[in-house]
C-alpha atoms as a PDB file:
ATOM      1  CA  UNK A   1      48.631  60.598 -86.341  1.00  0.00           C
ATOM      2  CA  UNK A   2      49.214  58.874 -89.678  1.00  0.00           C
ATOM      3  CA  UNK A   3      46.669  56.201 -88.812  1.00  0.00           C
ATOM      4  CA  UNK A   4      43.850  58.688 -88.268  1.00  0.00           C
ATOM      5  CA  UNK A   5      41.287  59.270 -91.015  1.00  0.00           C
ATOM      6  CA  UNK A   6      42.255  62.043 -93.429  1.00  0.00           C
ATOM      7  CA  UNK A   7      39.434  64.351 -92.306  1.00  0.00           C
ATOM      8  CA  UNK A   8      40.521  64.089 -88.665  1.00  0.00           C
ATOM      9  CA  UNK A   9      44.143  64.797 -89.634  1.00  0.00           C
ATOM     10  CA  UNK A  10      43.082  67.932 -91.525  1.00  0.00           C
ATOM     11  CA  UNK A  11      41.167  69.144 -88.476  1.00  0.00           C
ATOM     12  CA  UNK A  12      44.087  68.386 -86.133  1.00  0.00           C
ATOM     13  CA  UNK A  13      46.593  70.110 -88.421  1.00  0.00           C
ATOM     14  CA  UNK A  14      44.285  73.098 -88.786  1.00  0.00           C
ATOM     15  CA  UNK A  15      43.932  73.478 -85.029  1.00  0.00           C
ATOM     16  CA  UNK A  16      47.426  72.654 -83.801  1.00  0.00           C
ATOM     17  CA  UNK A  17      50.025  72.449 -86.560  1.00  0.00           C
ATOM     18  CA  UNK A  18      52.371  75.292 -87.377  1.00  0.00           C
ATOM     19  CA  UNK A  19      54.968  75.776 -90.046  1.00  0.00           C
ATOM     20  CA  UNK A  20      58.611  75.820 -89.011  1.00  0.00           C
ATOM     21  CA  UNK A  21      58.629  79.577 -89.484  1.00  0.00           C
ATOM     22  CA  UNK A  22      55.546  80.061 -87.299  1.00  0.00           C
ATOM     23  CA  UNK A  23      56.975  77.796 -84.596  1.00  0.00           C
ATOM     24  CA  UNK A  24      60.307  79.615 -84.601  1.00  0.00           C
ATOM     25  CA  UNK A  25      58.733  83.047 -84.182  1.00  0.00           C
ATOM     26  CA  UNK A  26      58.028  82.535 -80.480  1.00  0.00           C
ATOM     27  CA  UNK A  27      61.532  81.186 -79.836  1.00  0.00           C
ATOM     28  CA  UNK A  28      63.140  84.166 -81.536  1.00  0.00           C
ATOM     29  CA  UNK A  29      60.720  86.591 -79.875  1.00  0.00           C
ATOM     30  CA  UNK A  30      61.423  85.163 -76.395  1.00  0.00           C
ATOM     31  CA  UNK A  31      65.170  85.308 -77.055  1.00  0.00           C
ATOM     32  CA  UNK A  32      65.016  88.979 -77.965  1.00  0.00           C
ATOM     33  CA  UNK A  33      62.353  90.128 -75.470  1.00  0.00           C
ATOM     34  CA  UNK A  34      63.742  92.376 -72.721  1.00  0.00           C
ATOM     35  CA  UNK A  35      61.075  91.686 -70.082  1.00  0.00           C
ATOM     36  CA  UNK A  36      61.405  87.903 -69.765  1.00  0.00           C
ATOM     37  CA  UNK A  37      60.978  86.474 -66.283  1.00  0.00           C
ATOM     38  CA  UNK A  38      63.047  83.270 -65.979  1.00  0.00           C
ATOM     39  CA  UNK A  39      60.835  80.192 -66.094  1.00  0.00           C
ATOM     40  CA  UNK A  40      57.963  82.018 -67.778  1.00  0.00           C
ATOM     41  CA  UNK A  41      56.009  80.064 -70.383  1.00  0.00           C
ATOM     42  CA  UNK A  42      55.654  81.764 -73.747  1.00  0.00           C
ATOM     43  CA  UNK A  43      53.298  80.934 -76.595  1.00  0.00           C
ATOM     44  CA  UNK A  44      52.403  82.762 -79.796  1.00  0.00           C
ATOM     45  CA  UNK A  45      54.779  85.637 -78.967  1.00  0.00           C
ATOM     46  CA  UNK A  46      53.261  86.286 -75.564  1.00  0.00           C
ATOM     47  CA  UNK A  47      53.668  85.218 -71.961  1.00  0.00           C
ATOM     48  CA  UNK A  48      51.191  82.857 -70.345  1.00  0.00           C
ATOM     49  CA  UNK A  49      50.448  83.142 -66.626  1.00  0.00           C
ATOM     50  CA  UNK A  50      51.154  79.874 -64.807  1.00  0.00           C
ATOM     51  CA  UNK A  51      48.179  77.978 -63.427  1.00  0.00           C
ATOM     52  CA  UNK A  52      47.430  77.798 -59.711  1.00  0.00           C
ATOM     53  CA  UNK A  53      48.500  74.143 -59.778  1.00  0.00           C
ATOM     54  CA  UNK A  54      51.946  75.019 -61.113  1.00  0.00           C
ATOM     55  CA  UNK A  55      52.421  77.497 -58.267  1.00  0.00           C
ATOM     56  CA  UNK A  56      51.068  75.141 -55.580  1.00  0.00           C
ATOM     57  CA  UNK A  57      53.079  72.893 -53.265  1.00  0.00           C
ATOM     58  CA  UNK A  58      51.752  69.842 -55.127  1.00  0.00           C
ATOM     59  CA  UNK A  59      52.804  71.358 -58.443  1.00  0.00           C
ATOM     60  CA  UNK A  60      56.274  71.978 -57.035  1.00  0.00           C
ATOM     61  CA  UNK A  61      56.544  68.341 -55.929  1.00  0.00           C
ATOM     62  CA  UNK A  62      55.452  67.118 -59.375  1.00  0.00           C
ATOM     63  CA  UNK A  63      58.034  69.430 -60.964  1.00  0.00           C
ATOM     64  CA  UNK A  64      60.819  67.945 -58.827  1.00  0.00           C
ATOM     65  CA  UNK A  65      59.688  64.386 -59.569  1.00  0.00           C
ATOM     66  CA  UNK A  66      59.453  65.035 -63.305  1.00  0.00           C
ATOM     67  CA  UNK A  67      62.878  66.729 -63.394  1.00  0.00           C
ATOM     68  CA  UNK A  68      64.420  63.749 -61.570  1.00  0.00           C
ATOM     69  CA  UNK A  69      62.796  61.227 -63.935  1.00  0.00           C
ATOM     70  CA  UNK A  70      63.818  63.165 -67.045  1.00  0.00           C
ATOM     71  CA  UNK A  71      67.373  63.360 -65.725  1.00  0.00           C
ATOM     72  CA  UNK A  72      67.470  59.597 -65.181  1.00  0.00           C
ATOM     73  CA  UNK A  73      66.333  58.941 -68.752  1.00  0.00           C
ATOM     74  CA  UNK A  74      68.819  61.416 -70.220  1.00  0.00           C
ATOM     75  CA  UNK A  75      71.693  59.878 -68.241  1.00  0.00           C
ATOM     76  CA  UNK A  76      70.741  56.422 -69.560  1.00  0.00           C
ATOM     77  CA  UNK A  77      70.935  57.726 -73.115  1.00  0.00           C
ATOM     78  CA  UNK A  78      73.923  60.043 -72.584  1.00  0.00           C
ATOM     79  CA  UNK A  79      75.946  58.977 -69.507  1.00  0.00           C
ATOM     80  CA  UNK A  80      78.367  61.876 -69.986  1.00  0.00           C
ATOM     81  CA  UNK A  81      75.607  64.213 -68.728  1.00  0.00           C
ATOM     82  CA  UNK A  82      75.432  62.583 -65.272  1.00  0.00           C
ATOM     83  CA  UNK A  83      77.367  65.369 -63.535  1.00  0.00           C
ATOM     84  CA  UNK A  84      74.950  67.982 -64.885  1.00  0.00           C
ATOM     85  CA  UNK A  85      71.886  66.216 -63.478  1.00  0.00           C
ATOM     86  CA  UNK A  86      73.366  65.794 -59.997  1.00  0.00           C
ATOM     87  CA  UNK A  87      73.287  69.523 -59.294  1.00  0.00           C
END
């Protein structure tokens, strides 16, 4: 991001960047919300419906593959977590 021209950075920050306070609002909101369905994606203090792909068989297979790969990387960095990733 630092290597981009200044004008492009301004545009990117304007579209996507949030302050720490703004970013934390959704985390706090989701923590305190009573009607949270486990696994639901939240953004800007609201719930987002999952896409058809996420709910499909292919999406489920990708989820399993990604979870396995993330677990392998984490265990390489922190071997003490190996027992957690086996379950």
